[in-house]
């Protein structure tokens, strides 16, 4: 990418239109330079009215989206590999969801606070019906970060009631759990953040047990021992297992679609049962069929004590929740936490329609089946560019391409950003992760041929970069 290009949205993407090759297939269409000349002024307006922190995605103004495709107002069309940041599991604007919303707008409640309503009860019952055994109640929220905050408060209250020292919470280095105060401290490398004078000293980040070429020969016993060593190190640092209330786990680390080793998680479950520790799985990105199962922690064959969900629960409107047993969700007394918009009636209507679509169209098994196609194509892409792609990780329709500098072999945020923009110019919509990865997370409704075409177009995009660099 031309490093002298002015950034329209205070990031590294270009402000002024760049040449593109004309593309027109059944699934994607690029007719203009990008950013489209007709949208440049509005992009500049966006940079003027929005804070920089919200201005880092490719400079495309979305006009509409349907199914697995995104359109701008100038006639360009992209195969969507973003799912709007891993949200639109049942696709963009599914007709059944649109119809459910229209019916509700015409006839139903448009606000309700914490009063009961039939649609809210219906949704809670439906969620509990698809949830794993042990989930008895649903604590509704609006966005995923709120669900994490809720779970954080619940496990702390639950732990302190059983033992006054049981307040410590574990998570893993590299996990992302949200942007609010508690969720942000649970994320990253440790609880201390530059803007926070006094971090929560009861939050501890364990090393992430990453599956790599170096650990490929680890046995189940090795991974079980790895977990035990981490807990022993924590004890050596002054925190015993009896003081730990819960472990928060991003079921697949989102930035890299990274799973945990199964034996590691199973040993963690055994230890948690032995010590009276709760396991909280963050399924905000991975729930509702994204990985080929209703919930991604099912891949590990373990029980969750609490499950935090959001995004794909509606595939559209804001809604999140914590699912779990009554003994944990009932620890707070009435009115101790209130929220005006949690489980808004419109969001409930969208969620009920969305869950029905997942079942009726068998999208969970479809995600598992299509995931095999995606894996084969992505591995072929890696074979084509072995110096640029160090790893393909993920399952179902949750994948990440790990990008390397071909000269050094080190992870490259810069190349990942350049490739993201090149892919968009080739008719594949990606979202920037701000890490050395490209996430491939299309809607579960994507046709097989569009999935294959999109991945191969990403290869063409990387080829264009290597040609421009003379590599």
Protein backbone atom coordinates (compact mmCIF):
# COMPACT_ATOMS: atom_id res chain seq x y z
CA UNK A 1 0.00 0.00 0.00
CA UNK A 2 1.16 3.53 -0.70
CA UNK A 3 2.39 4.74 2.69
CA UNK A 4 1.95 8.35 1.60
CA UNK A 5 -1.82 7.94 1.21
CA UNK A 6 -3.76 10.16 3.57
CA UNK A 7 -5.99 8.14 5.88
CA UNK A 8 -9.64 9.06 5.51
CA UNK A 9 -10.68 7.42 8.76
CA UNK A 10 -7.53 8.00 10.78
CA UNK A 11 -6.20 4.56 9.90
CA UNK A 12 -3.93 3.21 7.19
CA UNK A 13 -6.55 2.85 4.48
CA UNK A 14 -6.52 5.33 1.59
CA UNK A 15 -8.59 8.49 1.50
CA UNK A 16 -8.62 8.90 -2.25
CA UNK A 17 -9.94 6.45 -4.84
CA UNK A 18 -7.51 3.84 -6.12
CA UNK A 19 -7.75 1.90 -9.39
CA UNK A 20 -9.45 -1.51 -9.30
CA UNK A 21 -9.90 -4.25 -11.84
CA UNK A 22 -13.49 -4.63 -13.01
CA UNK A 23 -15.04 -7.73 -11.44
CA UNK A 24 -18.49 -9.08 -12.17
CA UNK A 25 -19.56 -12.58 -11.13
CA UNK A 26 -22.74 -14.02 -9.66
CA UNK A 27 -21.43 -13.28 -6.17
CA UNK A 28 -19.32 -10.08 -6.34
CA UNK A 29 -19.11 -6.95 -8.42
CA UNK A 30 -16.55 -4.12 -8.47
CA UNK A 31 -17.40 -1.35 -10.93
CA UNK A 32 -15.64 1.72 -9.54
CA UNK A 33 -12.38 2.82 -8.04
CA UNK A 34 -12.26 2.31 -4.27
CA UNK A 35 -13.15 4.12 -2.17
CA UNK A 36 -15.93 4.82 -4.65
CA UNK A 37 -15.49 8.44 -5.82
CA UNK A 38 -19.12 9.25 -5.04
CA UNK A 39 -18.60 8.28 -1.39
CA UNK A 40 -15.37 10.16 -0.63
CA UNK A 41 -17.09 13.24 0.77
CA UNK A 42 -19.30 11.17 3.06
CA UNK A 43 -16.31 9.21 4.29
CA UNK A 44 -14.64 12.50 5.14
CA UNK A 45 -17.81 13.51 6.99
CA UNK A 46 -17.61 10.28 8.97
CA UNK A 47 -14.01 11.01 9.93
CA UNK A 48 -15.12 14.47 11.07
CA UNK A 49 -18.07 13.42 13.26
CA UNK A 50 -16.84 10.09 14.69
CA UNK A 51 -13.95 9.59 17.14
CA UNK A 52 -10.81 7.97 15.77
CA UNK A 53 -11.39 4.85 17.83
CA UNK A 54 -14.45 4.10 15.69
CA UNK A 55 -12.74 4.85 12.38
CA UNK A 56 -10.51 1.97 11.40
CA UNK A 57 -12.41 -0.23 8.95
CA UNK A 58 -12.00 -0.26 5.14
CA UNK A 59 -13.43 2.94 3.63
CA UNK A 60 -16.61 1.50 2.17
CA UNK A 61 -20.02 3.00 2.90
CA UNK A 62 -22.44 0.14 3.32
CA UNK A 63 -25.80 0.89 1.70
CA UNK A 64 -27.59 -2.45 2.10
CA UNK A 65 -26.84 -6.12 2.71
CA UNK A 66 -28.70 -9.29 1.85
CA UNK A 67 -27.85 -12.86 2.76
CA UNK A 68 -24.10 -13.20 2.26
CA UNK A 69 -23.56 -10.01 0.24
CA UNK A 70 -22.89 -6.33 1.03
CA UNK A 71 -23.70 -3.49 -1.41
CA UNK A 72 -22.74 0.15 -1.67
CA UNK A 73 -24.80 2.85 -3.38
CA UNK A 74 -22.62 2.88 -6.50
CA UNK A 75 -23.30 -0.68 -7.63
CA UNK A 76 -20.40 -2.49 -6.01
CA UNK A 77 -21.13 -5.82 -4.31
CA UNK A 78 -18.97 -7.87 -1.96
CA UNK A 79 -19.00 -11.45 -0.70
CA UNK A 80 -19.21 -10.83 3.03
CA UNK A 81 -16.52 -12.58 5.05
CA UNK A 82 -17.12 -10.31 8.06
CA UNK A 83 -20.66 -11.22 9.16
CA UNK A 84 -20.64 -7.69 10.63
CA UNK A 85 -17.98 -8.64 13.19
CA UNK A 86 -19.20 -12.24 13.56
CA UNK A 87 -22.86 -11.41 14.12
CA UNK A 88 -25.02 -12.19 11.09
CA UNK A 89 -25.04 -15.97 11.46
CA UNK A 90 -28.34 -16.37 9.56
CA UNK A 91 -27.28 -13.81 6.99
CA UNK A 92 -28.10 -10.17 6.41
CA UNK A 93 -31.77 -9.23 6.62
CA UNK A 94 -33.23 -12.72 6.55
CA UNK A 95 -36.83 -12.43 5.26
CA UNK A 96 -38.25 -14.24 8.30
CA UNK A 97 -36.51 -11.86 10.70
CA UNK A 98 -37.68 -8.83 8.71
CA UNK A 99 -41.25 -10.18 8.74
CA UNK A 100 -41.13 -10.85 12.48
CA UNK A 101 -39.94 -7.29 13.11
CA UNK A 102 -42.66 -5.79 10.91
CA UNK A 103 -45.35 -7.76 12.72
CA UNK A 104 -44.02 -6.70 16.08
CA UNK A 105 -43.71 -3.03 15.14
CA UNK A 106 -47.34 -3.05 14.04
CA UNK A 107 -48.82 -4.95 16.99
CA UNK A 108 -46.36 -5.40 19.85
CA UNK A 109 -44.65 -3.65 22.72
CA UNK A 110 -41.88 -1.21 21.90
CA UNK A 111 -40.63 -0.80 25.49
CA UNK A 112 -41.05 -2.75 28.70
CA UNK A 113 -38.15 -2.24 31.19
CA UNK A 114 -38.17 -5.21 33.61
CA UNK A 115 -41.87 -5.92 33.40
CA UNK A 116 -42.80 -9.35 32.15
CA UNK A 117 -44.05 -9.94 28.61
CA UNK A 118 -44.95 -13.03 26.66
CA UNK A 119 -42.29 -12.50 23.99
CA UNK A 120 -39.53 -12.20 26.57
CA UNK A 121 -40.65 -15.40 28.33
CA UNK A 122 -40.90 -17.18 24.97
CA UNK A 123 -37.33 -16.25 24.13
CA UNK A 124 -35.97 -17.31 27.52
CA UNK A 125 -37.71 -20.67 27.19
CA UNK A 126 -36.34 -21.13 23.69
CA UNK A 127 -32.79 -20.30 24.76
CA UNK A 128 -32.96 -22.76 27.64
CA UNK A 129 -34.29 -25.41 25.27
CA UNK A 130 -31.23 -25.16 23.01
CA UNK A 131 -28.72 -24.58 25.85
CA UNK A 132 -26.73 -27.46 27.39
CA UNK A 133 -28.05 -29.21 30.52
CA UNK A 134 -27.68 -27.21 33.73
CA UNK A 135 -28.91 -23.90 32.33
CA UNK A 136 -32.07 -23.01 34.24
CA UNK A 137 -32.40 -19.23 33.91
CA UNK A 138 -31.59 -16.42 31.49
CA UNK A 139 -30.26 -13.03 32.57
CA UNK A 140 -30.86 -10.68 29.63
CA UNK A 141 -28.64 -7.79 28.57
CA UNK A 142 -28.08 -5.65 25.49
CA UNK A 143 -24.49 -6.26 24.35
CA UNK A 144 -21.80 -8.83 25.01
CA UNK A 145 -19.68 -6.63 27.28
CA UNK A 146 -22.68 -6.23 29.59
CA UNK A 147 -23.14 -9.98 29.73
CA UNK A 148 -19.49 -10.39 30.75
CA UNK A 149 -19.84 -7.67 33.41
CA UNK A 150 -22.92 -9.44 34.72
CA UNK A 151 -21.14 -12.79 34.90
CA UNK A 152 -18.16 -11.14 36.61
CA UNK A 153 -20.43 -9.66 39.28
CA UNK A 154 -22.33 -12.93 39.72
CA UNK A 155 -19.26 -15.12 40.22
CA UNK A 156 -17.70 -12.64 42.64
CA UNK A 157 -20.90 -12.46 44.71
CA UNK A 158 -21.30 -16.23 44.57
CA UNK A 159 -17.69 -16.84 45.63
CA UNK A 160 -17.70 -14.35 48.51
CA UNK A 161 -20.89 -15.82 49.91
CA UNK A 162 -19.29 -19.23 50.12
CA UNK A 163 -15.97 -17.96 51.52
CA UNK A 164 -14.85 -14.36 52.27
CA UNK A 165 -11.52 -14.94 50.46
CA UNK A 166 -13.02 -16.53 47.34
CA UNK A 167 -12.86 -13.45 45.10
CA UNK A 168 -10.14 -14.18 42.57
CA UNK A 169 -10.93 -14.67 38.89
CA UNK A 170 -8.74 -16.19 36.21
CA UNK A 171 -8.63 -15.58 32.47
CA UNK A 172 -6.10 -16.13 29.68
CA UNK A 173 -3.52 -13.88 28.05
CA UNK A 174 -4.87 -12.72 24.69
CA UNK A 175 -8.56 -13.23 25.47
CA UNK A 176 -10.94 -10.43 24.61
CA UNK A 177 -14.07 -10.11 26.74
CA UNK A 178 -15.24 -6.57 26.03
CA UNK A 179 -14.63 -2.86 26.49
CA UNK A 180 -16.38 -2.02 29.79
CA UNK A 181 -14.47 -1.70 33.06
CA UNK A 182 -14.46 -5.30 34.28
CA UNK A 183 -14.53 -6.89 30.82
CA UNK A 184 -11.57 -4.80 29.69
CA UNK A 185 -9.54 -5.84 32.71
CA UNK A 186 -10.35 -9.48 31.96
CA UNK A 187 -8.99 -8.93 28.42
CA UNK A 188 -5.45 -8.68 27.13
CA UNK A 189 -2.27 -9.54 29.00
CA UNK A 190 -3.17 -8.40 32.52
CA UNK A 191 -5.72 -6.39 34.46
CA UNK A 192 -3.59 -3.25 34.54
CA UNK A 193 -4.44 -0.82 31.74
CA UNK A 194 -2.64 2.48 31.05
CA UNK A 195 -5.77 4.53 31.72
CA UNK A 196 -6.65 2.69 34.95
CA UNK A 197 -4.86 3.85 38.13
CA UNK A 198 -5.93 0.90 40.26
CA UNK A 199 -6.46 -2.39 38.47
CA UNK A 200 -8.47 -5.18 40.07
CA UNK A 201 -5.88 -7.22 41.97
CA UNK A 202 -8.21 -10.23 41.95
CA UNK A 203 -7.94 -10.76 38.18
CA UNK A 204 -5.12 -13.02 36.99
CA UNK A 205 -4.13 -13.88 33.41
CA UNK A 206 -2.84 -17.39 32.76
CA UNK A 207 -0.62 -18.16 29.75
CA UNK A 208 -2.74 -19.20 26.78
CA UNK A 209 -2.08 -22.89 25.96
CA UNK A 210 -1.65 -22.41 22.25
CA UNK A 211 -1.58 -25.33 19.84
CA UNK A 212 1.50 -24.79 17.67
CA UNK A 213 3.99 -26.80 15.64
CA UNK A 214 6.13 -26.92 18.78
CA UNK A 215 3.30 -28.40 20.88
CA UNK A 216 1.89 -30.66 18.15
CA UNK A 217 3.30 -33.77 19.81
CA UNK A 218 1.93 -32.96 23.26
CA UNK A 219 -0.08 -35.81 24.72
CA UNK A 220 -3.26 -35.41 26.74
CA UNK A 221 -1.13 -35.97 29.83
CA UNK A 222 1.17 -33.13 28.76
CA UNK A 223 -1.76 -30.71 28.44
CA UNK A 224 -3.24 -31.79 31.77
CA UNK A 225 0.13 -31.26 33.36
CA UNK A 226 0.38 -27.86 31.67
CA UNK A 227 -2.79 -26.73 33.43
CA UNK A 228 -1.64 -28.10 36.79
CA UNK A 229 1.65 -26.22 36.46
CA UNK A 230 -0.20 -22.97 35.78
CA UNK A 231 -2.28 -23.41 38.93
CA UNK A 232 0.82 -24.29 40.93
CA UNK A 233 2.56 -21.15 39.67
CA UNK A 234 -0.44 -19.12 40.78
CA UNK A 235 -0.21 -20.71 44.24
CA UNK A 236 3.51 -19.91 44.35
CA UNK A 237 2.55 -16.30 43.61
CA UNK A 238 0.19 -16.27 46.58
CA UNK A 239 -3.22 -17.24 45.19
CA UNK A 240 -4.47 -20.67 46.24
CA UNK A 241 -7.21 -22.60 44.46
CA UNK A 242 -9.52 -22.10 47.45
CA UNK A 243 -9.45 -18.34 46.78
CA UNK A 244 -10.53 -18.64 43.13
CA UNK A 245 -14.19 -18.08 42.29
CA UNK A 246 -14.18 -18.53 38.52
CA UNK A 247 -12.30 -18.83 35.24
CA UNK A 248 -13.40 -16.80 32.21
CA UNK A 249 -12.63 -18.50 28.90
CA UNK A 250 -12.97 -17.00 25.44
CA UNK A 251 -14.04 -20.30 23.90
CA UNK A 252 -11.96 -19.67 20.76
CA UNK A 253 -9.63 -16.68 21.06
CA UNK A 254 -11.37 -14.32 18.69
CA UNK A 255 -8.47 -12.43 17.08
CA UNK A 256 -6.95 -15.68 15.83
CA UNK A 257 -9.83 -18.20 15.98
CA UNK A 258 -7.62 -20.19 18.35
CA UNK A 259 -8.99 -23.22 20.22
CA UNK A 260 -7.69 -24.47 23.54
CA UNK A 261 -6.36 -28.04 23.77
CA UNK A 262 -9.23 -30.37 24.68
CA UNK A 263 -7.31 -32.20 27.42
CA UNK A 264 -6.29 -28.87 28.97
CA UNK A 265 -9.92 -27.75 29.21
CA UNK A 266 -11.06 -31.12 30.52
CA UNK A 267 -8.44 -31.00 33.27
CA UNK A 268 -9.56 -27.46 34.09
CA UNK A 269 -13.14 -28.73 34.45
CA UNK A 270 -11.99 -31.50 36.83
CA UNK A 271 -10.00 -29.01 38.92
CA UNK A 272 -12.94 -26.60 38.98
CA UNK A 273 -15.22 -29.31 40.32
CA UNK A 274 -12.65 -30.29 42.93
CA UNK A 275 -12.17 -26.70 44.12
CA UNK A 276 -15.67 -25.28 43.73
CA UNK A 277 -14.67 -22.96 40.89
CA UNK A 278 -17.05 -21.80 38.15
CA UNK A 279 -16.17 -22.01 34.47
CA UNK A 280 -17.60 -19.12 32.45
CA UNK A 281 -17.48 -19.55 28.67
CA UNK A 282 -17.58 -16.39 26.58
CA UNK A 283 -19.66 -17.48 23.58
CA UNK A 284 -20.47 -13.96 22.34
CA UNK A 285 -18.71 -14.60 19.02
CA UNK A 286 -18.82 -18.39 18.94
CA UNK A 287 -22.41 -19.21 19.89
CA UNK A 288 -25.42 -20.16 17.79
CA UNK A 289 -23.86 -22.39 15.19
CA UNK A 290 -20.79 -20.37 14.26
CA UNK A 291 -18.39 -23.30 14.90
CA UNK A 292 -20.72 -26.08 13.76
CA UNK A 293 -22.25 -26.62 17.20
CA UNK A 294 -24.83 -24.60 19.13
CA UNK A 295 -22.06 -23.49 21.50
CA UNK A 296 -18.33 -23.79 20.86
CA UNK A 297 -17.44 -25.14 24.31
CA UNK A 298 -19.22 -28.33 23.26
CA UNK A 299 -16.10 -29.09 21.19
CA UNK A 300 -14.27 -29.63 24.48
CA UNK A 301 -16.80 -32.06 25.95
CA UNK A 302 -17.14 -30.13 29.22
CA UNK A 303 -19.92 -28.50 31.21
CA UNK A 304 -20.18 -24.73 31.41
CA UNK A 305 -21.32 -23.14 34.66
CA UNK A 306 -22.21 -19.87 32.94
CA UNK A 307 -22.49 -19.07 29.23
CA UNK A 308 -22.29 -15.49 27.96
CA UNK A 309 -23.96 -14.96 24.58
CA UNK A 310 -24.73 -12.12 22.16
CA UNK A 311 -24.21 -11.27 18.48
CA UNK A 312 -25.51 -14.41 16.71
CA UNK A 313 -28.45 -14.78 19.07
CA UNK A 314 -30.36 -12.33 16.84
CA UNK A 315 -28.08 -11.95 13.79
CA UNK A 316 -29.43 -8.38 13.78
CA UNK A 317 -30.48 -6.27 16.76
CA UNK A 318 -28.66 -5.82 20.09
CA UNK A 319 -29.32 -8.57 22.61
CA UNK A 320 -27.08 -10.51 25.00
CA UNK A 321 -27.57 -12.85 27.92
CA UNK A 322 -26.00 -14.97 30.62
CA UNK A 323 -27.29 -18.53 30.83
CA UNK A 324 -26.79 -20.68 33.89
CA UNK A 325 -28.18 -22.40 36.99
CA UNK A 326 -30.61 -20.63 39.27
CA UNK A 327 -28.30 -20.82 42.28
CA UNK A 328 -25.84 -18.50 40.53
CA UNK A 329 -28.17 -16.23 38.59
CA UNK A 330 -30.27 -15.63 41.70
CA UNK A 331 -27.45 -14.38 43.94
CA UNK A 332 -28.37 -10.73 43.35
CA UNK A 333 -31.42 -9.34 45.08
CA UNK A 334 -34.19 -7.51 43.17
CA UNK A 335 -33.30 -4.03 41.88
CA UNK A 336 -29.61 -4.48 42.73
CA UNK A 337 -28.96 -4.15 38.99
CA UNK A 338 -31.55 -2.72 36.62
CA UNK A 339 -31.41 -2.05 32.90
CA UNK A 340 -33.90 -0.24 30.69
CA UNK A 341 -33.33 -1.87 27.31
CA UNK A 342 -32.16 -5.43 28.02
CA UNK A 343 -34.15 -7.91 25.92
CA UNK A 344 -35.99 -5.11 24.14
CA UNK A 345 -39.19 -6.54 22.61
CA UNK A 346 -37.97 -5.96 19.05
CA UNK A 347 -34.73 -7.78 19.82
CA UNK A 348 -36.71 -10.66 21.28
CA UNK A 349 -38.79 -10.89 18.10
CA UNK A 350 -35.62 -10.97 16.02
CA UNK A 351 -34.01 -13.59 18.26
CA UNK A 352 -36.99 -15.94 18.16
CA UNK A 353 -37.10 -15.76 14.37
CA UNK A 354 -33.32 -16.19 14.20
CA UNK A 355 -33.31 -19.30 16.37
CA UNK A 356 -36.08 -20.83 14.29
CA UNK A 357 -34.06 -20.17 11.12
CA UNK A 358 -30.99 -21.85 12.60
CA UNK A 359 -33.08 -24.97 13.23
CA UNK A 360 -35.31 -24.99 10.14
CA UNK A 361 -32.48 -24.37 7.69
CA UNK A 362 -30.12 -26.72 9.59
CA UNK A 363 -27.50 -24.00 9.62
CA UNK A 364 -25.50 -25.51 12.47
CA UNK A 365 -24.77 -28.71 10.58
CA UNK A 366 -24.29 -26.59 7.48
CA UNK A 367 -21.62 -24.56 9.27
CA UNK A 368 -19.80 -27.79 10.13
CA UNK A 369 -20.05 -29.03 6.53
CA UNK A 370 -19.04 -25.72 4.96
CA UNK A 371 -16.20 -25.45 7.46
CA UNK A 372 -14.55 -28.47 5.82
CA UNK A 373 -14.76 -26.74 2.44
CA UNK A 374 -13.31 -23.54 3.93
CA UNK A 375 -10.50 -25.44 5.63
CA UNK A 376 -9.52 -27.18 2.38
CA UNK A 377 -9.51 -23.92 0.43
CA UNK A 378 -7.64 -22.00 3.12
CA UNK A 379 -4.97 -24.70 3.40
CA UNK A 380 -4.60 -24.56 -0.39
CA UNK A 381 -4.12 -20.80 -0.04
CA UNK A 382 -1.48 -21.40 2.58
CA UNK A 383 0.31 -23.85 0.27
CA UNK A 384 0.24 -21.20 -2.46
CA UNK A 385 1.75 -18.54 -0.16
CA UNK A 386 3.81 -20.43 2.44
CA UNK A 387 6.00 -17.41 3.21
CA UNK A 388 3.03 -15.13 3.83
CA UNK A 389 0.70 -17.47 5.77
CA UNK A 390 2.08 -19.13 8.88
CA UNK A 391 -1.10 -20.81 10.09
CA UNK A 392 -4.78 -21.43 9.44
CA UNK A 393 -6.84 -21.80 12.60
CA UNK A 394 -10.50 -22.28 13.38
CA UNK A 395 -13.44 -24.55 12.70
CA UNK A 396 -16.97 -24.33 11.33
CA UNK A 397 -17.22 -20.88 9.75
CA UNK A 398 -14.85 -19.24 12.23
CA UNK A 399 -11.38 -19.07 10.69
CA UNK A 400 -8.31 -16.87 10.89
CA UNK A 401 -5.40 -16.57 8.47
CA UNK A 402 -2.20 -15.84 10.38
CA UNK A 403 -0.09 -13.47 8.32
CA UNK A 404 3.71 -13.38 8.33
CA UNK A 405 6.32 -11.04 6.90
CA UNK A 406 7.81 -13.12 4.06
CA UNK A 407 11.28 -11.74 4.79
CA UNK A 408 11.42 -12.36 8.54
CA UNK A 409 8.70 -14.92 9.17
CA UNK A 410 7.41 -12.76 12.02
CA UNK A 411 3.69 -11.92 12.44
CA UNK A 412 2.85 -8.87 10.33
CA UNK A 413 0.07 -6.48 11.26
CA UNK A 414 1.05 -4.29 8.31
CA UNK A 415 0.68 -7.04 5.72
CA UNK A 416 -2.60 -8.18 7.27
CA UNK A 417 -3.92 -4.62 6.92
CA UNK A 418 -2.69 -4.31 3.34
CA UNK A 419 -4.20 -7.67 2.44
CA UNK A 420 -7.52 -6.69 4.02
CA UNK A 421 -7.77 -3.67 1.72
CA UNK A 422 -6.63 -5.64 -1.32
CA UNK A 423 -9.32 -8.25 -0.62
CA UNK A 424 -11.97 -5.54 -0.43
CA UNK A 425 -10.75 -4.21 -3.77
CA UNK A 426 -11.21 -7.75 -5.11
CA UNK A 427 -14.81 -7.96 -3.93
CA UNK A 428 -14.43 -9.71 -0.55
CA UNK A 429 -15.55 -7.78 2.53
CA UNK A 430 -13.26 -8.25 5.53
CA UNK A 431 -13.03 -6.33 8.77
CA UNK A 432 -9.72 -5.20 10.19
CA UNK A 433 -8.73 -7.02 13.38
CA UNK A 434 -5.74 -4.77 14.12
CA UNK A 435 -3.68 -7.92 14.62
CA UNK A 436 -1.63 -10.09 12.29
CA UNK A 437 -4.67 -12.04 11.16
CA UNK A 438 -7.49 -11.93 8.64
CA UNK A 439 -10.73 -13.38 9.95
CA UNK A 440 -12.82 -15.44 7.55
CA UNK A 441 -16.28 -15.53 9.11
CA UNK A 442 -19.01 -15.52 6.44
CA UNK A 443 -22.72 -15.85 7.25
CA UNK A 444 -23.73 -19.48 7.69
CA UNK A 445 -26.09 -19.13 4.70
CA UNK A 446 -23.27 -18.52 2.22
CA UNK A 447 -23.49 -20.81 -0.84
CA UNK A 448 -20.61 -23.25 -1.27
CA UNK A 449 -19.55 -21.67 -4.55
CA UNK A 450 -19.46 -18.16 -3.04
CA UNK A 451 -17.36 -19.45 -0.12
CA UNK A 452 -14.85 -21.00 -2.51
CA UNK A 453 -14.84 -17.96 -4.81
CA UNK A 454 -14.27 -15.60 -1.90
CA UNK A 455 -11.27 -17.50 -0.56
CA UNK A 456 -9.74 -17.79 -4.03
CA UNK A 457 -10.32 -14.07 -4.58
CA UNK A 458 -8.38 -13.44 -1.37
CA UNK A 459 -5.54 -15.36 -2.98
CA UNK A 460 -5.75 -13.12 -6.03
CA UNK A 461 -5.62 -10.12 -3.71
CA UNK A 462 -2.46 -11.38 -2.02
CA UNK A 463 -0.97 -12.13 -5.43
CA UNK A 464 -1.56 -8.49 -6.41
CA UNK A 465 0.37 -7.40 -3.32
CA UNK A 466 3.32 -9.67 -4.02
CA UNK A 467 3.47 -8.39 -7.60
CA UNK A 468 3.43 -4.77 -6.45
CA UNK A 469 6.24 -5.54 -4.00
CA UNK A 470 8.21 -7.39 -6.63
CA UNK A 471 8.22 -10.53 -4.46
